[in-house]
Amino acid sequence: MKIRLIILILLFNVSFINIRGQEINPILKQAYLEILSDSASYDQYYALIAVIDSNIIEAKDIIEQKFWQFARSQQSLALEALLKFKSNLTLEYAQRLMDSLDINPIDYVLNSESGPDVIFEKVKICEIMFELNDFSKLEYVFELVNRDSIQEVSDIVIDPLIKIMQNVPSYSEQAKSKLIDLVYSSNDLFTRSNALIALEKSIGIESLPIILQSFQSDSSDVNRYYILNEFLSKYSENIDLSDILRERIYTEQAGSLRLRIAKILLYGPGGISNYNFVKNYINDESDEMIKDAIAFEVEENLPRLFYEDSTLVVILDSLISVTNQVHIINWLGDLNFSNELKNILTTAKINLQTGDSLACRVQVKAFQDLVNNVYKDSLNTDPRFVTIEGWKFLYWNAQYILDRLSKP
């Protein structure tokens, strides 16, 4: 009774202790080991979790010796402990447990008239066997999926399906198909998300069509938000992200996601086209709070024309192109002024390509100062002018270049 009280009081602190990297309390460690040795204890489940989480290697011999006395519903957890402790008996016990569950599933320790969900337990055992490169019982993974249905099956099948897909060519496509079905059809939002994460980690860009479909069809705004932030941004150079988001913003039901989409369009390297799209979209936004938030972002937006890993030459080329665009849409007045700015940037690019980054910096700073001076000089009667939108695109992208160039 005393040992059980220690467990109940201190088990809560195990994770905290592990996070801080401190060695587990010796009294608590001994309590776990004694509980594992006591076949009649009702706390063996918690002790198994504790020795796994705290990496108490001393438990290996006890678990090996007492394995067949653990409750049926706890033996797969005991196998997990043996796997972690690299026991030579892990695979042998897993194979024997598979057979014994068919013959005698009754859980004598907890209830003489009941036992665990045999197929569910077998899938947990399969996962351990797969870690040891034994796929002889993989049919139980598919059996659980078929029994419980794609809509309702637990996400416990995800990792085994991934391992089958990666390691068993004859079942690879079947496992992949089940994972895709989970992404699209599971009733549980976390199962859908976890299946997609596992697939993407395993097959990379091959999962892109699945990612795009899931972004359009997943009923959970939490999942759509995750896909947008983690996957669409990761593969943005492989898709026309701007077109996808422009279309989605008009059908997206979650206001927080519409705001996020607007921000990505504004702050990503989409240039003038995305800026104007978001600015025009404001009038179509139905939620007043979201409308105000997007309007604020447009007002404060400092547009970027390039990806973070773009070279300075690419960025200079982008700025030359945008200088021409802002003149065409009348954000910058006077063709001669536009040509003067482009000539300055062209000189800066030549300086950079010949290895003179300091001379390049001088030219970019001259470009920025000229844009700024004309923007501020609203009383000047000459035909040159720069609007606030033109100033944002030209001034701040010049600043991005200056921040990456060597300082004198």
Protein backbone atom coordinates (compact mmCIF):
# COMPACT_ATOMS: atom_id res chain seq x y z
CA MET A 1 0.00 0.00 0.00
CA LYS A 2 2.85 2.33 0.85
CA ILE A 3 4.52 1.69 -2.50
CA ARG A 4 1.28 2.36 -4.35
CA LEU A 5 0.88 5.66 -2.51
CA ILE A 6 4.39 6.68 -3.56
CA ILE A 7 3.53 5.90 -7.17
CA LEU A 8 0.31 7.86 -7.18
CA ILE A 9 1.94 10.90 -5.58
CA LEU A 10 5.17 10.98 -7.57
CA LEU A 11 4.23 9.61 -10.99
CA PHE A 12 2.94 13.04 -11.96
CA ASN A 13 6.45 14.41 -11.53
CA VAL A 14 8.20 11.93 -13.82
CA SER A 15 7.79 13.98 -17.02
CA PHE A 16 8.84 17.12 -15.21
CA ILE A 17 11.97 15.39 -13.90
CA ASN A 18 12.83 14.03 -17.34
CA ILE A 19 12.35 17.40 -19.03
CA ARG A 20 14.85 18.95 -16.67
CA GLY A 21 17.29 16.12 -17.36
CA GLN A 22 17.63 15.19 -13.70
CA GLU A 23 18.24 11.65 -12.56
CA ILE A 24 15.14 9.94 -11.22
CA ASN A 25 14.74 9.73 -7.46
CA PRO A 26 16.33 6.43 -6.25
CA ILE A 27 13.42 5.74 -3.90
CA LEU A 28 10.94 6.17 -6.75
CA LYS A 29 13.05 4.00 -9.06
CA GLN A 30 13.10 1.23 -6.47
CA ALA A 31 9.34 1.55 -6.05
CA TYR A 32 8.81 1.02 -9.79
CA LEU A 33 11.06 -2.03 -9.81
CA GLU A 34 9.26 -3.57 -6.83
CA ILE A 35 5.87 -3.02 -8.46
CA LEU A 36 7.06 -4.71 -11.66
CA SER A 37 8.15 -7.67 -9.53
CA ASP A 38 4.72 -7.92 -7.89
CA SER A 39 2.43 -9.84 -10.23
CA ALA A 40 -0.63 -8.95 -8.15
CA SER A 41 -0.06 -5.18 -8.31
CA TYR A 42 -2.66 -3.05 -10.03
CA ASP A 43 -0.01 -0.37 -10.67
CA GLN A 44 2.18 -2.29 -13.11
CA TYR A 45 0.80 -0.32 -16.06
CA TYR A 46 2.00 2.97 -14.51
CA ALA A 47 5.32 1.42 -13.53
CA LEU A 48 5.90 0.25 -17.11
CA ILE A 49 5.20 3.74 -18.44
CA ALA A 50 7.56 5.18 -15.85
CA VAL A 51 10.49 2.88 -16.60
CA ILE A 52 10.09 3.54 -20.33
CA ASP A 53 9.86 7.31 -19.93
CA SER A 54 12.69 7.43 -17.36
CA ASN A 55 14.84 4.86 -19.18
CA ILE A 56 15.29 2.68 -16.10
CA ILE A 57 17.44 -0.03 -17.65
CA GLU A 58 17.42 -2.04 -14.42
CA ALA A 59 13.83 -2.98 -15.23
CA LYS A 60 14.89 -5.09 -18.24
CA ASP A 61 15.74 -8.28 -16.30
CA ILE A 62 12.56 -8.03 -14.21
CA ILE A 63 10.34 -7.56 -17.27
CA GLU A 64 12.04 -10.47 -19.03
CA GLN A 65 11.47 -12.74 -16.01
CA LYS A 66 7.94 -11.59 -15.19
CA PHE A 67 6.68 -10.96 -18.72
CA TRP A 68 4.19 -13.82 -18.87
CA GLN A 69 2.73 -12.81 -15.53
CA PHE A 70 1.77 -9.32 -16.68
CA ALA A 71 -1.86 -8.66 -17.53
CA ARG A 72 -2.70 -9.43 -21.15
CA SER A 73 -3.57 -5.78 -21.74
CA GLN A 74 -0.11 -4.72 -20.48
CA GLN A 75 2.12 -7.19 -22.28
CA SER A 76 2.40 -5.08 -25.45
CA LEU A 77 3.59 -2.21 -23.23
CA ALA A 78 6.06 -4.57 -21.58
CA LEU A 79 7.29 -5.47 -25.10
CA GLU A 80 7.78 -1.77 -25.81
CA ALA A 81 9.98 -1.58 -22.71
CA LEU A 82 12.03 -4.59 -23.83
CA LEU A 83 12.47 -3.03 -27.27
CA LYS A 84 13.71 0.19 -25.72
CA PHE A 85 16.11 -1.70 -23.46
CA LYS A 86 17.35 -3.76 -26.46
CA SER A 87 16.42 -7.07 -24.94
CA ASN A 88 17.37 -10.12 -26.99
CA LEU A 89 14.03 -11.65 -26.03
CA THR A 90 11.86 -8.92 -27.58
CA LEU A 91 11.12 -10.60 -30.92
CA GLU A 92 10.71 -14.06 -29.41
CA TYR A 93 8.21 -12.77 -26.86
CA ALA A 94 6.36 -10.78 -29.53
CA GLN A 95 5.95 -13.85 -31.73
CA ARG A 96 4.83 -16.01 -28.80
CA LEU A 97 2.42 -13.35 -27.59
CA MET A 98 0.79 -13.20 -31.02
CA ASP A 99 0.07 -16.93 -30.83
CA SER A 100 -1.02 -16.92 -27.18
CA LEU A 101 -3.53 -14.11 -27.75
CA ASP A 102 -5.42 -16.39 -30.14
CA ILE A 103 -5.36 -19.33 -27.76
CA ASN A 104 -5.94 -17.51 -24.49
CA PRO A 105 -6.84 -13.79 -24.62
CA ILE A 106 -8.30 -13.70 -21.09
CA ASP A 107 -6.81 -11.07 -18.76
CA TYR A 108 -6.51 -13.05 -15.53
CA VAL A 109 -4.80 -10.31 -13.55
CA LEU A 110 -7.41 -7.61 -14.09
CA ASN A 111 -10.54 -9.60 -14.75
CA SER A 112 -10.86 -13.37 -15.06
CA GLU A 113 -13.73 -12.98 -17.51
CA SER A 114 -12.35 -10.38 -19.90
CA GLY A 115 -9.37 -9.68 -22.09
CA PRO A 116 -7.96 -6.96 -24.31
CA ASP A 117 -9.10 -6.19 -27.85
CA VAL A 118 -7.07 -8.95 -29.49
CA ILE A 119 -6.69 -7.36 -32.97
CA PHE A 120 -5.83 -4.00 -31.44
CA GLU A 121 -3.17 -5.62 -29.25
CA LYS A 122 -1.80 -7.51 -32.24
CA VAL A 123 -1.32 -4.27 -34.15
CA LYS A 124 0.65 -2.84 -31.24
CA ILE A 125 2.78 -5.99 -31.24
CA CYS A 126 3.17 -5.70 -35.03
CA GLU A 127 4.65 -2.26 -34.62
CA ILE A 128 7.31 -3.69 -32.31
CA MET A 129 8.00 -6.60 -34.67
CA PHE A 130 8.31 -4.16 -37.58
CA GLU A 131 11.02 -2.30 -35.67
CA LEU A 132 12.92 -5.60 -35.64
CA ASN A 133 12.30 -6.12 -39.37
CA ASP A 134 9.75 -8.91 -38.90
CA PHE A 135 6.70 -8.26 -41.10
CA SER A 136 5.30 -11.77 -40.92
CA LYS A 137 2.11 -10.64 -39.14
CA LEU A 138 1.34 -7.49 -41.13
CA GLU A 139 -2.12 -8.77 -42.10
CA TYR A 140 -3.40 -7.77 -38.67
CA VAL A 141 -2.86 -4.08 -39.49
CA PHE A 142 -5.17 -4.33 -42.49
CA GLU A 143 -7.58 -6.50 -40.50
CA LEU A 144 -7.98 -3.75 -37.88
CA VAL A 145 -8.55 -1.10 -40.56
CA ASN A 146 -11.18 -3.24 -42.27
CA ARG A 147 -12.88 -4.20 -39.02
CA ASP A 148 -13.19 -0.67 -37.62
CA SER A 149 -13.49 1.13 -41.00
CA ILE A 150 -11.38 3.97 -42.33
CA GLN A 151 -13.72 6.47 -40.70
CA GLU A 152 -13.36 5.07 -37.18
CA VAL A 153 -10.08 3.18 -36.94
CA SER A 154 -7.55 4.42 -34.37
CA ASP A 155 -4.46 6.29 -35.50
CA ILE A 156 -2.44 3.42 -34.03
CA VAL A 157 -2.40 2.00 -37.58
CA ILE A 158 -0.55 4.97 -39.10
CA ASP A 159 3.03 4.10 -38.16
CA PRO A 160 2.65 0.39 -39.02
CA LEU A 161 1.16 1.32 -42.41
CA ILE A 162 4.10 3.65 -43.07
CA LYS A 163 6.58 0.89 -42.23
CA ILE A 164 4.74 -1.57 -44.50
CA MET A 165 4.73 0.98 -47.31
CA GLN A 166 8.47 1.56 -46.91
CA ASN A 167 9.62 -2.03 -46.38
CA VAL A 168 7.23 -4.53 -48.00
CA PRO A 169 6.99 -3.91 -51.77
CA SER A 170 4.14 -6.38 -52.31
CA TYR A 171 1.96 -4.49 -49.82
CA SER A 172 3.38 -0.99 -50.35
CA GLU A 173 0.60 0.37 -52.58
CA GLN A 174 -2.12 -1.13 -50.39
CA ALA A 175 -0.63 0.50 -47.28
CA LYS A 176 -0.24 3.83 -49.09
CA SER A 177 -3.86 3.66 -50.26
CA LYS A 178 -5.08 3.11 -46.70
CA LEU A 179 -3.05 6.07 -45.47
CA ILE A 180 -4.50 8.32 -48.16
CA ASP A 181 -7.98 7.13 -47.22
CA LEU A 182 -7.25 8.08 -43.61
CA VAL A 183 -6.18 11.58 -44.71
CA TYR A 184 -9.42 12.12 -46.60
CA SER A 185 -12.00 10.10 -44.70
CA SER A 186 -11.18 9.58 -41.02
CA ASN A 187 -13.78 11.08 -38.72
CA ASP A 188 -11.03 12.17 -36.33
CA LEU A 189 -9.24 15.40 -37.24
CA PHE A 190 -6.03 14.33 -35.50
CA THR A 191 -5.94 11.01 -37.36
CA ARG A 192 -6.36 12.88 -40.66
CA SER A 193 -3.57 15.27 -39.75
CA ASN A 194 -1.22 12.60 -38.39
CA ALA A 195 -1.69 10.43 -41.48
CA LEU A 196 -0.86 13.38 -43.75
CA ILE A 197 2.20 14.32 -41.69
CA ALA A 198 3.46 10.73 -41.78
CA LEU A 199 2.89 10.45 -45.54
CA GLU A 200 4.65 13.72 -46.30
CA LYS A 201 7.60 12.75 -44.11
CA SER A 202 7.85 9.43 -45.92
CA ILE A 203 7.28 10.33 -49.59
CA GLY A 204 8.03 14.05 -49.67
CA ILE A 205 6.93 15.97 -52.75
CA GLU A 206 5.04 12.91 -54.02
CA SER A 207 2.48 13.76 -51.33
CA LEU A 208 1.84 17.23 -52.79
CA PRO A 209 -1.42 16.32 -54.63
CA ILE A 210 -2.72 14.78 -51.39
CA ILE A 211 -1.72 17.90 -49.46
CA LEU A 212 -3.49 20.19 -51.94
CA GLN A 213 -6.66 18.09 -51.92
CA SER A 214 -6.65 17.95 -48.13
CA PHE A 215 -6.24 21.72 -47.93
CA GLN A 216 -9.35 22.12 -50.05
CA SER A 217 -11.49 19.42 -48.46
CA ASP A 218 -10.53 18.89 -44.81
CA SER A 219 -13.44 19.97 -42.61
CA SER A 220 -11.18 21.13 -39.77
CA ASP A 221 -9.90 24.70 -39.93
CA VAL A 222 -7.13 23.58 -37.52
CA ASN A 223 -5.91 21.06 -40.10
CA ARG A 224 -6.23 23.51 -42.98
CA TYR A 225 -4.26 26.10 -41.02
CA TYR A 226 -1.51 23.54 -40.35
CA ILE A 227 -1.37 22.50 -44.01
CA LEU A 228 -1.13 26.14 -45.09
CA ASN A 229 1.68 26.99 -42.68
CA GLU A 230 3.71 23.79 -42.80
CA PHE A 231 3.23 22.24 -46.23
CA LEU A 232 2.09 24.86 -48.76
CA SER A 233 4.89 27.17 -47.66
CA LYS A 234 7.39 24.28 -47.86
CA TYR A 235 6.39 23.45 -51.44
CA SER A 236 5.62 27.00 -52.57
CA GLU A 237 8.20 26.85 -55.36
CA ASN A 238 6.54 23.72 -56.77
CA ILE A 239 3.04 25.18 -57.03
CA ASP A 240 1.35 28.44 -57.99
CA LEU A 241 0.68 29.32 -54.38
CA SER A 242 -0.72 32.76 -55.17
CA ASP A 243 -3.43 31.35 -57.45
CA ILE A 244 -4.34 28.66 -54.92
CA LEU A 245 -4.69 31.20 -52.10
CA ARG A 246 -6.53 33.77 -54.19
CA GLU A 247 -9.13 31.16 -55.03
CA ARG A 248 -9.29 29.77 -51.50
CA ILE A 249 -9.81 33.08 -49.71
CA TYR A 250 -13.27 33.40 -51.31
CA THR A 251 -14.42 29.93 -50.19
CA GLU A 252 -12.64 29.66 -46.84
CA GLN A 253 -15.13 29.59 -43.95
CA ALA A 254 -12.72 30.38 -41.10
CA GLY A 255 -12.03 34.09 -40.69
CA SER A 256 -8.67 33.46 -39.05
CA LEU A 257 -7.58 31.51 -42.11
CA ARG A 258 -8.77 34.21 -44.51
CA LEU A 259 -6.65 36.69 -42.57
CA ARG A 260 -3.69 34.34 -42.68
CA ILE A 261 -4.09 33.88 -46.44
CA ALA A 262 -4.21 37.66 -46.92
CA LYS A 263 -1.00 38.05 -44.92
CA ILE A 264 0.80 35.39 -46.94
CA LEU A 265 -0.24 37.08 -50.18
CA LEU A 266 0.90 40.45 -48.86
CA TYR A 267 4.16 39.46 -47.21
CA GLY A 268 5.22 36.66 -49.55
CA PRO A 269 7.16 37.41 -52.73
CA GLY A 270 4.08 37.91 -54.86
CA GLY A 271 4.74 41.50 -55.71
CA ILE A 272 2.31 44.10 -56.95
CA SER A 273 -0.28 41.65 -58.23
CA ASN A 274 -0.89 40.08 -54.82
CA TYR A 275 -0.84 43.46 -53.11
CA ASN A 276 -3.58 44.78 -55.41
CA PHE A 277 -5.58 41.56 -55.08
CA VAL A 278 -5.67 41.80 -51.29
CA LYS A 279 -6.41 45.51 -51.40
CA ASN A 280 -9.40 44.87 -53.67
CA TYR A 281 -10.52 41.83 -51.65
CA ILE A 282 -11.11 43.98 -48.55
CA ASN A 283 -14.48 45.13 -49.92
CA ASP A 284 -15.59 41.51 -50.32
CA GLU A 285 -14.70 40.43 -46.78
CA SER A 286 -17.92 39.81 -44.80
CA ASP A 287 -16.47 39.80 -41.28
CA GLU A 288 -15.90 43.37 -40.11
CA MET A 289 -13.10 42.42 -37.70
CA ILE A 290 -11.26 40.49 -40.41
CA LYS A 291 -11.88 43.31 -42.88
CA ASP A 292 -10.32 45.84 -40.48
CA ALA A 293 -7.39 43.53 -39.80
CA ILE A 294 -6.66 43.04 -43.50
CA ALA A 295 -7.00 46.78 -44.15
CA PHE A 296 -4.45 47.39 -41.40
CA GLU A 297 -2.07 44.88 -42.96
CA VAL A 298 -2.40 46.57 -46.36
CA GLU A 299 -1.70 49.94 -44.78
CA GLU A 300 1.33 48.69 -42.85
CA ASN A 301 2.54 46.13 -45.39
CA LEU A 302 6.19 46.22 -46.37
CA PRO A 303 6.11 44.12 -49.56
CA ARG A 304 8.85 41.69 -50.44
CA LEU A 305 9.69 40.63 -54.01
CA PHE A 306 11.86 37.59 -53.41
CA TYR A 307 12.43 34.42 -51.40
CA GLU A 308 14.85 34.44 -48.48
CA ASP A 309 17.36 32.29 -50.36
CA SER A 310 17.28 34.45 -53.51
CA THR A 311 20.64 35.78 -54.70
CA LEU A 312 21.29 39.52 -54.78
CA VAL A 313 21.41 39.43 -58.58
CA VAL A 314 17.92 37.89 -58.66
CA ILE A 315 16.66 40.49 -56.20
CA LEU A 316 18.12 43.34 -58.26
CA ASP A 317 16.48 41.92 -61.39
CA SER A 318 13.16 41.77 -59.51
CA LEU A 319 13.49 45.38 -58.40
CA ILE A 320 14.28 46.53 -61.96
CA SER A 321 11.17 44.71 -63.19
CA VAL A 322 8.99 46.19 -60.44
CA THR A 323 10.29 49.69 -61.18
CA ASN A 324 8.92 49.24 -64.67
CA GLN A 325 5.62 47.83 -63.36
CA VAL A 326 4.96 50.68 -60.92
CA HIS A 327 5.40 53.15 -63.78
CA ILE A 328 2.94 51.21 -65.96
CA ILE A 329 0.23 51.24 -63.27
CA ASN A 330 0.89 54.91 -62.49
CA TRP A 331 2.43 54.45 -59.04
CA LEU A 332 5.47 56.25 -60.42
CA GLY A 333 5.25 59.21 -62.79
CA ASP A 334 7.44 60.11 -65.79
CA LEU A 335 9.11 57.64 -68.13
CA ASN A 336 12.47 59.42 -67.88
CA PHE A 337 12.36 59.06 -64.09
CA SER A 338 11.56 55.35 -64.41
CA ASN A 339 14.45 54.87 -66.83
CA GLU A 340 16.81 56.76 -64.54
CA LEU A 341 15.94 54.47 -61.64
CA LYS A 342 16.36 51.33 -63.75
CA ASN A 343 19.75 52.56 -65.03
CA ILE A 344 20.94 53.03 -61.45
CA LEU A 345 19.93 49.47 -60.58
CA THR A 346 21.51 48.08 -63.74
CA THR A 347 24.80 49.76 -62.77
CA ALA A 348 24.45 48.29 -59.27
CA LYS A 349 23.97 44.82 -60.77
CA ILE A 350 27.09 45.22 -62.97
CA ASN A 351 29.10 46.35 -59.93
CA LEU A 352 27.91 43.29 -58.01
CA GLN A 353 28.71 40.86 -60.83
CA THR A 354 32.26 42.25 -61.10
CA GLY A 355 32.80 41.74 -57.37
CA ASP A 356 32.50 45.37 -56.24
CA SER A 357 29.81 45.09 -53.57
CA LEU A 358 30.65 48.48 -52.06
CA ALA A 359 30.05 50.25 -55.40
CA CYS A 360 26.85 48.26 -55.74
CA ARG A 361 25.79 49.49 -52.31
CA VAL A 362 26.41 53.10 -53.32
CA GLN A 363 24.16 52.71 -56.37
CA VAL A 364 21.34 50.98 -54.45
CA LYS A 365 21.45 53.71 -51.80
CA ALA A 366 21.30 56.35 -54.54
CA PHE A 367 18.23 54.58 -55.96
CA GLN A 368 16.57 54.47 -52.54
CA ASP A 369 17.32 58.15 -51.78
CA LEU A 370 15.99 59.29 -55.16
CA VAL A 371 12.73 57.34 -54.68
CA ASN A 372 12.37 58.73 -51.17
CA ASN A 373 13.06 62.32 -52.14
CA VAL A 374 10.59 62.34 -55.04
CA TYR A 375 7.94 60.68 -52.83
CA LYS A 376 8.35 63.33 -50.15
CA ASP A 377 8.52 66.27 -52.55
CA SER A 378 4.79 66.49 -53.28
CA LEU A 379 4.99 70.23 -54.04
CA ASN A 380 7.44 69.78 -56.91
CA THR A 381 5.89 70.87 -60.23
CA ASP A 382 7.93 68.48 -62.42
CA PRO A 383 6.16 65.35 -63.76
CA ARG A 384 8.00 63.01 -61.41
CA PHE A 385 6.06 61.47 -58.55
CA VAL A 386 5.90 58.28 -56.44
CA THR A 387 2.70 57.14 -54.72
CA ILE A 388 2.67 55.54 -51.26
CA GLU A 389 2.26 52.09 -52.89
CA GLY A 390 5.14 52.71 -55.29
CA TRP A 391 7.32 54.02 -52.47
CA LYS A 392 6.65 50.90 -50.36
CA PHE A 393 7.70 48.52 -53.13
CA LEU A 394 10.75 50.46 -54.28
CA TYR A 395 12.11 51.91 -51.04
CA TRP A 396 11.78 48.83 -48.83
CA ASN A 397 13.02 46.30 -51.36
CA ALA A 398 16.06 48.52 -51.87
CA GLN A 399 16.50 48.38 -48.10
CA TYR A 400 16.40 44.56 -48.19
CA ILE A 401 19.28 44.68 -50.66
CA LEU A 402 21.25 47.16 -48.56
CA ASP A 403 20.82 44.94 -45.50
CA ARG A 404 22.51 42.07 -47.37
CA LEU A 405 25.35 44.06 -48.90
CA SER A 406 28.71 44.71 -47.26
CA LYS A 407 28.87 47.97 -45.32
CA PRO A 408 31.79 50.35 -45.87
